[in-house]
Amino acid sequence: MPNYRLDLEYDGAAYRGWQSQKNALGVANVLDKAVRTVFKDPRQMVAAGRTDAGVHALHQVVHLRSAGPLRASVNPLIALNDVLPADVAVLKIAPAAEDFDARKSAVGRVYLYQILRRRSAFGQGHVWWVKDRLDVPAMGKACEHLTGRHDFSAFCEADPTKPKESTLDLDFIDIEEHGPLLLLRFKARFFLWKMVRRLTGYLVETGRGRFKPGLTPAVFSQDAKVLAPFTAPPQGLHLERVLYPGDAFKPDPASGLFR
């Protein structure tokens, strides 16, 4: 059966995450409903990664197996977007190789977290407003200890639906200042449940002075419950990019949704 790649973006505020659910609305629920109005016999709609409730995606990738569009005369990209709600948009649809798997073929994922350090009437659904002064250099020093290969079990929530492997390579954490806006980027092949939000929360508490950046290595041996209260809220988190073999990623200093 033909395989298609869909690139999309969504505002996750109204959804209980990406995953299709019976008793709540996931982004996959609305995409699946739209796909069935455009494609014949749609099957195996799989995303590159599951985002949590309230988390957004600037670039999510889905593979879809289908016999093809219902009507050859209709542009499937336009047809899909015509029936999707305004907070979900398909950016591109293209035939994919038979063995392309949106999740398993991915070699990297980049998450963007936006922190705003002033009150604003705009963009609150996409930033975390932190009122306290943050020591950004201290946060940067903590990042030096967080990157690399570590057991990140102290920075995640146990997920019964996934393997318990918690050791991974965190390629980089990048912090950019744009006036009152802080952009935090995290890149790895995969992330654990709530890991980016826990890391963000830890870095913010380091900026507030609760944690000392030089003591960061000792945090890895802590129980996850220690950092759980500092988990950053979901609205500032965005899946920014999914990378496949041959793709390159360089943080764009002009990016970010809020100025």
C-alpha atoms as a PDB file:
ATOM      1  CA  MET A   1       0.000   0.000   0.000  1.00  0.00           C
ATOM      2  CA  PRO A   2       1.377   3.469  -0.879  1.00  0.00           C
ATOM      3  CA  ASN A   3       3.021   5.447   1.889  1.00  0.00           C
ATOM      4  CA  TYR A   4       2.658   9.210   2.374  1.00  0.00           C
ATOM      5  CA  ARG A   5       4.531  11.712   4.500  1.00  0.00           C
ATOM      6  CA  LEU A   6       2.554  14.559   6.065  1.00  0.00           C
ATOM      7  CA  ASP A   7       4.306  17.553   7.628  1.00  0.00           C
ATOM      8  CA  LEU A   8       2.059  19.583   9.912  1.00  0.00           C
ATOM      9  CA  GLU A   9       1.864  22.145  12.677  1.00  0.00           C
ATOM     10  CA  TYR A  10      -0.643  22.609  15.463  1.00  0.00           C
ATOM     11  CA  ASP A  11      -1.561  24.662  18.465  1.00  0.00           C
ATOM     12  CA  GLY A  12      -1.985  22.093  21.221  1.00  0.00           C
ATOM     13  CA  ALA A  13      -3.961  24.224  23.678  1.00  0.00           C
ATOM     14  CA  ALA A  14      -7.309  22.553  22.967  1.00  0.00           C
ATOM     15  CA  TYR A  15      -5.963  18.975  22.847  1.00  0.00           C
ATOM     16  CA  ARG A  16      -4.980  16.273  25.297  1.00  0.00           C
ATOM     17  CA  GLY A  17      -1.781  15.754  23.356  1.00  0.00           C
ATOM     18  CA  TRP A  18      -1.100  14.138  20.004  1.00  0.00           C
ATOM     19  CA  GLN A  19      -2.353  10.645  20.761  1.00  0.00           C
ATOM     20  CA  SER A  20      -5.803   9.562  19.571  1.00  0.00           C
ATOM     21  CA  GLN A  21      -8.071   8.969  22.575  1.00  0.00           C
ATOM     22  CA  LYS A  22     -11.553   7.632  23.268  1.00  0.00           C
ATOM     23  CA  ASN A  23     -12.560   9.934  26.105  1.00  0.00           C
ATOM     24  CA  ALA A  24     -10.646  13.088  25.190  1.00  0.00           C
ATOM     25  CA  LEU A  25      -9.646  14.962  22.053  1.00  0.00           C
ATOM     26  CA  GLY A  26      -6.150  14.387  20.677  1.00  0.00           C
ATOM     27  CA  VAL A  27      -4.656  16.018  17.585  1.00  0.00           C
ATOM     28  CA  ALA A  28      -4.597  12.559  15.989  1.00  0.00           C
ATOM     29  CA  ASN A  29      -8.387  12.346  16.411  1.00  0.00           C
ATOM     30  CA  VAL A  30      -9.060  15.399  14.274  1.00  0.00           C
ATOM     31  CA  LEU A  31      -6.381  14.527  11.711  1.00  0.00           C
ATOM     32  CA  ASP A  32      -7.714  10.979  11.362  1.00  0.00           C
ATOM     33  CA  LYS A  33     -11.237  12.317  10.805  1.00  0.00           C
ATOM     34  CA  ALA A  34      -9.971  14.709   8.125  1.00  0.00           C
ATOM     35  CA  VAL A  35      -7.823  12.051   6.442  1.00  0.00           C
ATOM     36  CA  ARG A  36     -10.830   9.764   6.054  1.00  0.00           C
ATOM     37  CA  THR A  37     -12.615  12.422   3.997  1.00  0.00           C
ATOM     38  CA  VAL A  38      -9.684  12.739   1.581  1.00  0.00           C
ATOM     39  CA  PHE A  39      -7.878   9.368   1.349  1.00  0.00           C
ATOM     40  CA  LYS A  40      -9.018   5.862   0.439  1.00  0.00           C
ATOM     41  CA  ASP A  41      -8.662   3.171   3.099  1.00  0.00           C
ATOM     42  CA  PRO A  42      -6.280   5.142   5.375  1.00  0.00           C
ATOM     43  CA  ARG A  43      -4.171   2.981   7.663  1.00  0.00           C
ATOM     44  CA  GLN A  44      -1.278   3.174  10.115  1.00  0.00           C
ATOM     45  CA  MET A  45      -1.205   6.920  10.751  1.00  0.00           C
ATOM     46  CA  VAL A  46       1.937   7.241  12.916  1.00  0.00           C
ATOM     47  CA  ALA A  47       3.577  10.445  14.178  1.00  0.00           C
ATOM     48  CA  ALA A  48       7.267  11.103  14.798  1.00  0.00           C
ATOM     49  CA  GLY A  49       6.532  11.682  18.456  1.00  0.00           C
ATOM     50  CA  ARG A  50       3.709  12.130  20.923  1.00  0.00           C
ATOM     51  CA  THR A  51       3.313  15.597  22.386  1.00  0.00           C
ATOM     52  CA  ASP A  52       1.685  16.037  25.786  1.00  0.00           C
ATOM     53  CA  ALA A  53      -1.528  17.877  26.580  1.00  0.00           C
ATOM     54  CA  GLY A  54      -1.208  21.573  25.779  1.00  0.00           C
ATOM     55  CA  VAL A  55       2.108  21.190  23.922  1.00  0.00           C
ATOM     56  CA  HIS A  56       2.419  22.622  20.404  1.00  0.00           C
ATOM     57  CA  ALA A  57       4.191  21.514  17.226  1.00  0.00           C
ATOM     58  CA  LEU A  58       5.892  23.743  14.697  1.00  0.00           C
ATOM     59  CA  HIS A  59       6.900  20.642  12.761  1.00  0.00           C
ATOM     60  CA  GLN A  60       5.317  17.260  13.329  1.00  0.00           C
ATOM     61  CA  VAL A  61       5.745  14.434  10.802  1.00  0.00           C
ATOM     62  CA  VAL A  62       3.247  11.656  10.159  1.00  0.00           C
ATOM     63  CA  HIS A  63       3.357   8.692   7.819  1.00  0.00           C
ATOM     64  CA  LEU A  64       0.097   7.461   6.379  1.00  0.00           C
ATOM     65  CA  ARG A  65      -0.552   4.300   4.421  1.00  0.00           C
ATOM     66  CA  SER A  66      -3.458   4.661   2.011  1.00  0.00           C
ATOM     67  CA  ALA A  67      -4.673   3.519  -1.398  1.00  0.00           C
ATOM     68  CA  GLY A  68      -4.476   7.172  -2.456  1.00  0.00           C
ATOM     69  CA  PRO A  69      -6.729  10.236  -2.620  1.00  0.00           C
ATOM     70  CA  LEU A  70     -10.452   9.572  -3.027  1.00  0.00           C
ATOM     71  CA  ARG A  71     -10.568  11.882  -6.036  1.00  0.00           C
ATOM     72  CA  ALA A  72      -7.598  12.310  -8.348  1.00  0.00           C
ATOM     73  CA  SER A  73      -8.785  15.759  -9.372  1.00  0.00           C
ATOM     74  CA  VAL A  74      -8.587  17.127  -5.833  1.00  0.00           C
ATOM     75  CA  ASN A  75      -5.414  18.508  -4.239  1.00  0.00           C
ATOM     76  CA  PRO A  76      -5.194  16.466  -1.008  1.00  0.00           C
ATOM     77  CA  LEU A  77      -3.270  19.213   0.819  1.00  0.00           C
ATOM     78  CA  ILE A  78      -5.990  21.780   0.163  1.00  0.00           C
ATOM     79  CA  ALA A  79      -8.745  19.249   0.824  1.00  0.00           C
ATOM     80  CA  LEU A  80      -7.286  18.250   4.198  1.00  0.00           C
ATOM     81  CA  ASN A  81      -6.809  21.824   5.375  1.00  0.00           C
ATOM     82  CA  ASP A  82     -10.340  22.702   4.297  1.00  0.00           C
ATOM     83  CA  VAL A  83     -11.789  20.224   6.823  1.00  0.00           C
ATOM     84  CA  LEU A  84      -9.248  20.572   9.638  1.00  0.00           C
ATOM     85  CA  PRO A  85      -9.886  22.981  12.527  1.00  0.00           C
ATOM     86  CA  ALA A  86      -8.015  26.275  12.440  1.00  0.00           C
ATOM     87  CA  ASP A  87      -5.483  25.142  15.059  1.00  0.00           C
ATOM     88  CA  VAL A  88      -4.140  22.268  12.923  1.00  0.00           C
ATOM     89  CA  ALA A  89      -2.485  22.832   9.530  1.00  0.00           C
ATOM     90  CA  VAL A  90      -0.901  20.365   7.108  1.00  0.00           C
ATOM     91  CA  LEU A  91       2.100  22.027   5.487  1.00  0.00           C
ATOM     92  CA  LYS A  92       3.110  19.360   3.001  1.00  0.00           C
ATOM     93  CA  ILE A  93       2.008  15.980   1.652  1.00  0.00           C
ATOM     94  CA  ALA A  94       4.399  13.849  -0.393  1.00  0.00           C
ATOM     95  CA  PRO A  95       4.787  10.199  -1.417  1.00  0.00           C
ATOM     96  CA  ALA A  96       7.253   8.426   0.865  1.00  0.00           C
ATOM     97  CA  ALA A  97       9.431   5.352   0.495  1.00  0.00           C
ATOM     98  CA  GLU A  98       7.808   2.061   1.432  1.00  0.00           C
ATOM     99  CA  ASP A  99      10.096   1.731   4.477  1.00  0.00           C
ATOM    100  CA  PHE A 100       9.686   5.314   5.690  1.00  0.00           C
ATOM    101  CA  ASP A 101       8.432   5.357   9.273  1.00  0.00           C
ATOM    102  CA  ALA A 102       7.829   8.817  10.770  1.00  0.00           C
ATOM    103  CA  ARG A 103       8.895   7.632  14.226  1.00  0.00           C
ATOM    104  CA  LYS A 104      11.498   4.938  13.627  1.00  0.00           C
ATOM    105  CA  SER A 105      13.229   6.674  10.700  1.00  0.00           C
ATOM    106  CA  ALA A 106      13.788   9.892  12.669  1.00  0.00           C
ATOM    107  CA  VAL A 107      17.364  10.495  13.821  1.00  0.00           C
ATOM    108  CA  GLY A 108      16.738  13.617  15.882  1.00  0.00           C
ATOM    109  CA  ARG A 109      14.128  15.856  17.441  1.00  0.00           C
ATOM    110  CA  VAL A 110      14.415  19.491  18.460  1.00  0.00           C
ATOM    111  CA  TYR A 111      12.152  21.061  21.074  1.00  0.00           C
ATOM    112  CA  LEU A 112      11.802  24.803  21.643  1.00  0.00           C
ATOM    113  CA  TYR A 113      10.690  26.241  24.967  1.00  0.00           C
ATOM    114  CA  GLN A 114       9.721  29.920  25.206  1.00  0.00           C
ATOM    115  CA  ILE A 115      10.042  31.872  28.436  1.00  0.00           C
ATOM    116  CA  LEU A 116       8.823  35.457  28.687  1.00  0.00           C
ATOM    117  CA  ARG A 117      10.203  37.699  31.405  1.00  0.00           C
ATOM    118  CA  ARG A 118       7.599  40.444  31.267  1.00  0.00           C
ATOM    119  CA  ARG A 119       3.848  40.712  31.402  1.00  0.00           C
ATOM    120  CA  SER A 120       2.210  40.732  27.998  1.00  0.00           C
ATOM    121  CA  ALA A 121      -1.301  40.841  26.618  1.00  0.00           C
ATOM    122  CA  PHE A 122      -0.256  38.601  23.730  1.00  0.00           C
ATOM    123  CA  GLY A 123       1.163  35.143  23.220  1.00  0.00           C
ATOM    124  CA  GLN A 124       0.370  33.749  26.655  1.00  0.00           C
ATOM    125  CA  GLY A 125      -0.719  30.456  25.147  1.00  0.00           C
ATOM    126  CA  HIS A 126       2.802  29.917  23.784  1.00  0.00           C
ATOM    127  CA  VAL A 127       5.088  31.174  26.546  1.00  0.00           C
ATOM    128  CA  TRP A 128       5.741  30.698  30.238  1.00  0.00           C
ATOM    129  CA  TRP A 129       5.732  34.048  31.988  1.00  0.00           C
ATOM    130  CA  VAL A 130       8.455  33.925  34.646  1.00  0.00           C
ATOM    131  CA  LYS A 131       8.240  36.983  36.903  1.00  0.00           C
ATOM    132  CA  ASP A 132      11.510  36.485  38.806  1.00  0.00           C
ATOM    133  CA  ARG A 133      14.878  37.713  37.592  1.00  0.00           C
ATOM    134  CA  LEU A 134      16.828  34.862  36.009  1.00  0.00           C
ATOM    135  CA  ASP A 135      20.607  34.456  36.053  1.00  0.00           C
ATOM    136  CA  VAL A 136      20.997  33.343  32.434  1.00  0.00           C
ATOM    137  CA  PRO A 137      24.793  32.740  32.643  1.00  0.00           C
ATOM    138  CA  ALA A 138      24.161  30.362  35.565  1.00  0.00           C
ATOM    139  CA  MET A 139      21.559  28.546  33.480  1.00  0.00           C
ATOM    140  CA  GLY A 140      24.124  28.253  30.682  1.00  0.00           C
ATOM    141  CA  LYS A 141      26.681  26.729  33.024  1.00  0.00           C
ATOM    142  CA  ALA A 142      24.130  24.144  34.165  1.00  0.00           C
ATOM    143  CA  CYS A 143      23.502  23.236  30.509  1.00  0.00           C
ATOM    144  CA  GLU A 144      27.154  22.240  30.161  1.00  0.00           C
ATOM    145  CA  HIS A 145      26.607  19.517  32.758  1.00  0.00           C
ATOM    146  CA  LEU A 146      23.259  18.392  31.335  1.00  0.00           C
ATOM    147  CA  THR A 147      24.394  17.753  27.756  1.00  0.00           C
ATOM    148  CA  GLY A 148      25.997  14.494  26.750  1.00  0.00           C
ATOM    149  CA  ARG A 149      25.131  10.915  27.661  1.00  0.00           C
ATOM    150  CA  HIS A 150      23.358  10.546  31.000  1.00  0.00           C
ATOM    151  CA  ASP A 151      20.666   8.597  32.788  1.00  0.00           C
ATOM    152  CA  PHE A 152      17.830  11.153  32.737  1.00  0.00           C
ATOM    153  CA  SER A 153      15.458   9.237  34.994  1.00  0.00           C
ATOM    154  CA  ALA A 154      15.584  12.135  37.485  1.00  0.00           C
ATOM    155  CA  PHE A 155      14.191  14.407  34.761  1.00  0.00           C
ATOM    156  CA  CYS A 156      11.259  12.350  33.536  1.00  0.00           C
ATOM    157  CA  GLU A 157       7.942  10.815  34.471  1.00  0.00           C
ATOM    158  CA  ALA A 158       7.640   7.025  34.322  1.00  0.00           C
ATOM    159  CA  ASP A 159       5.716   6.045  31.178  1.00  0.00           C
ATOM    160  CA  PRO A 160       4.142   2.573  31.430  1.00  0.00           C
ATOM    161  CA  THR A 161       3.527   2.472  27.662  1.00  0.00           C
ATOM    162  CA  LYS A 162       7.212   2.800  26.713  1.00  0.00           C
ATOM    163  CA  PRO A 163      10.461   0.956  27.500  1.00  0.00           C
ATOM    164  CA  LYS A 164      12.100   1.975  30.772  1.00  0.00           C
ATOM    165  CA  GLU A 165      15.456   2.834  29.156  1.00  0.00           C
ATOM    166  CA  SER A 166      16.359   6.282  30.492  1.00  0.00           C
ATOM    167  CA  THR A 167      19.945   6.702  29.318  1.00  0.00           C
ATOM    168  CA  LEU A 168      20.349   8.814  26.191  1.00  0.00           C
ATOM    169  CA  ASP A 169      22.520  11.406  24.486  1.00  0.00           C
ATOM    170  CA  LEU A 170      21.345  15.002  24.843  1.00  0.00           C
ATOM    171  CA  ASP A 171      23.115  16.648  21.908  1.00  0.00           C
ATOM    172  CA  PHE A 172      22.720  20.248  22.986  1.00  0.00           C
ATOM    173  CA  ILE A 173      20.773  22.792  24.985  1.00  0.00           C
ATOM    174  CA  ASP A 174      20.893  26.239  23.448  1.00  0.00           C
ATOM    175  CA  ILE A 175      19.743  29.377  25.266  1.00  0.00           C
ATOM    176  CA  GLU A 176      19.100  32.605  23.375  1.00  0.00           C
ATOM    177  CA  GLU A 177      18.055  35.972  24.759  1.00  0.00           C
ATOM    178  CA  HIS A 178      15.870  38.270  22.685  1.00  0.00           C
ATOM    179  CA  GLY A 179      14.990  41.128  24.973  1.00  0.00           C
ATOM    180  CA  PRO A 180      12.491  39.756  27.518  1.00  0.00           C
ATOM    181  CA  LEU A 181      12.198  36.468  25.607  1.00  0.00           C
ATOM    182  CA  LEU A 182      14.323  33.411  26.374  1.00  0.00           C
ATOM    183  CA  LEU A 183      14.441  30.614  23.799  1.00  0.00           C
ATOM    184  CA  LEU A 184      15.608  27.224  25.086  1.00  0.00           C
ATOM    185  CA  ARG A 185      16.304  24.507  22.515  1.00  0.00           C
ATOM    186  CA  PHE A 186      16.919  20.850  23.232  1.00  0.00           C
ATOM    187  CA  LYS A 187      18.128  18.320  20.645  1.00  0.00           C
ATOM    188  CA  ALA A 188      18.361  14.537  21.003  1.00  0.00           C
ATOM    189  CA  ARG A 189      17.431  11.441  19.038  1.00  0.00           C
ATOM    190  CA  PHE A 190      14.520  10.931  21.431  1.00  0.00           C
ATOM    191  CA  PHE A 191      13.235  12.312  24.715  1.00  0.00           C
ATOM    192  CA  LEU A 192      11.600  10.782  27.760  1.00  0.00           C
ATOM    193  CA  TRP A 193       8.119  11.677  28.970  1.00  0.00           C
ATOM    194  CA  LYS A 194       8.112  15.262  30.359  1.00  0.00           C
ATOM    195  CA  MET A 195      11.914  15.380  30.086  1.00  0.00           C
ATOM    196  CA  VAL A 196      12.137  18.736  28.287  1.00  0.00           C
ATOM    197  CA  ARG A 197       9.695  20.358  30.701  1.00  0.00           C
ATOM    198  CA  ARG A 198      11.622  18.982  33.698  1.00  0.00           C
ATOM    199  CA  LEU A 199      14.925  20.199  32.273  1.00  0.00           C
ATOM    200  CA  THR A 200      13.390  23.609  31.604  1.00  0.00           C
ATOM    201  CA  GLY A 201      12.002  23.783  35.126  1.00  0.00           C
ATOM    202  CA  TYR A 202      15.386  22.843  36.567  1.00  0.00           C
ATOM    203  CA  LEU A 203      17.141  25.497  34.508  1.00  0.00           C
ATOM    204  CA  VAL A 204      14.644  28.153  35.580  1.00  0.00           C
ATOM    205  CA  GLU A 205      15.153  27.216  39.236  1.00  0.00           C
ATOM    206  CA  THR A 206      18.902  27.448  38.644  1.00  0.00           C
ATOM    207  CA  GLY A 207      18.349  30.920  37.205  1.00  0.00           C
ATOM    208  CA  ARG A 208      16.322  31.816  40.296  1.00  0.00           C
ATOM    209  CA  GLY A 209      19.157  30.606  42.552  1.00  0.00           C
ATOM    210  CA  ARG A 210      17.489  27.514  44.032  1.00  0.00           C
ATOM    211  CA  PHE A 211      20.035  25.168  42.413  1.00  0.00           C
ATOM    212  CA  LYS A 212      23.752  25.840  41.932  1.00  0.00           C
ATOM    213  CA  PRO A 213      25.001  25.135  38.387  1.00  0.00           C
ATOM    214  CA  GLY A 214      28.222  23.575  39.657  1.00  0.00           C
ATOM    215  CA  LEU A 215      26.229  20.975  41.585  1.00  0.00           C
ATOM    216  CA  THR A 216      24.182  19.875  38.557  1.00  0.00           C
ATOM    217  CA  PRO A 217      25.937  16.469  38.132  1.00  0.00           C
ATOM    218  CA  ALA A 218      24.610  15.390  41.530  1.00  0.00           C
ATOM    219  CA  VAL A 219      21.038  15.955  40.363  1.00  0.00           C
ATOM    220  CA  PHE A 220      21.190  12.888  38.114  1.00  0.00           C
ATOM    221  CA  SER A 221      21.248  10.657  41.196  1.00  0.00           C
ATOM    222  CA  GLN A 222      18.121  12.272  42.659  1.00  0.00           C
ATOM    223  CA  ASP A 223      14.713  10.620  42.679  1.00  0.00           C
ATOM    224  CA  ALA A 224      12.413  12.004  39.974  1.00  0.00           C
ATOM    225  CA  LYS A 225      10.022  13.239  42.679  1.00  0.00           C
ATOM    226  CA  VAL A 226      12.580  15.865  43.706  1.00  0.00           C
ATOM    227  CA  LEU A 227      12.303  17.749  40.414  1.00  0.00           C
ATOM    228  CA  ALA A 228       8.655  16.974  39.677  1.00  0.00           C
ATOM    229  CA  PRO A 229       7.340  20.136  41.418  1.00  0.00           C
ATOM    230  CA  PHE A 230       9.475  22.270  39.109  1.00  0.00           C
ATOM    231  CA  THR A 231       8.122  20.848  35.831  1.00  0.00           C
ATOM    232  CA  ALA A 232       7.620  23.732  33.408  1.00  0.00           C
ATOM    233  CA  PRO A 233       4.040  24.272  32.165  1.00  0.00           C
ATOM    234  CA  PRO A 234       3.142  22.814  28.751  1.00  0.00           C
ATOM    235  CA  GLN A 235       2.134  25.964  26.885  1.00  0.00           C
ATOM    236  CA  GLY A 236       5.716  27.170  26.344  1.00  0.00           C
ATOM    237  CA  LEU A 237       6.841  23.907  24.714  1.00  0.00           C
ATOM    238  CA  HIS A 238       6.958  23.349  20.942  1.00  0.00           C
ATOM    239  CA  LEU A 239       8.163  20.404  18.888  1.00  0.00           C
ATOM    240  CA  GLU A 240      10.243  22.513  16.516  1.00  0.00           C
ATOM    241  CA  ARG A 241      11.819  20.033  14.128  1.00  0.00           C
ATOM    242  CA  VAL A 242      11.983  16.334  13.350  1.00  0.00           C
ATOM    243  CA  LEU A 243      15.210  15.266  11.629  1.00  0.00           C
ATOM    244  CA  TYR A 244      15.762  12.396   9.211  1.00  0.00           C
ATOM    245  CA  PRO A 245      18.973  11.047   7.605  1.00  0.00           C
ATOM    246  CA  GLY A 246      20.597  13.844   5.624  1.00  0.00           C
ATOM    247  CA  ASP A 247      18.780  16.640   7.483  1.00  0.00           C
ATOM    248  CA  ALA A 248      20.785  19.320   9.262  1.00  0.00           C
ATOM    249  CA  PHE A 249      19.637  21.649  11.998  1.00  0.00           C
ATOM    250  CA  LYS A 250      21.095  24.973  13.046  1.00  0.00           C
ATOM    251  CA  PRO A 251      19.204  27.159  15.518  1.00  0.00           C
ATOM    252  CA  ASP A 252      17.751  30.168  13.763  1.00  0.00           C
ATOM    253  CA  PRO A 253      18.262  33.279  15.912  1.00  0.00           C
ATOM    254  CA  ALA A 254      15.263  34.895  14.220  1.00  0.00           C
ATOM    255  CA  SER A 255      12.857  32.104  15.122  1.00  0.00           C
ATOM    256  CA  GLY A 256      10.460  31.969  18.032  1.00  0.00           C
ATOM    257  CA  LEU A 257       6.789  32.823  18.012  1.00  0.00           C
ATOM    258  CA  PHE A 258       6.871  35.846  20.283  1.00  0.00           C
ATOM    259  CA  ARG A 259       8.731  39.162  20.280  1.00  0.00           C
END
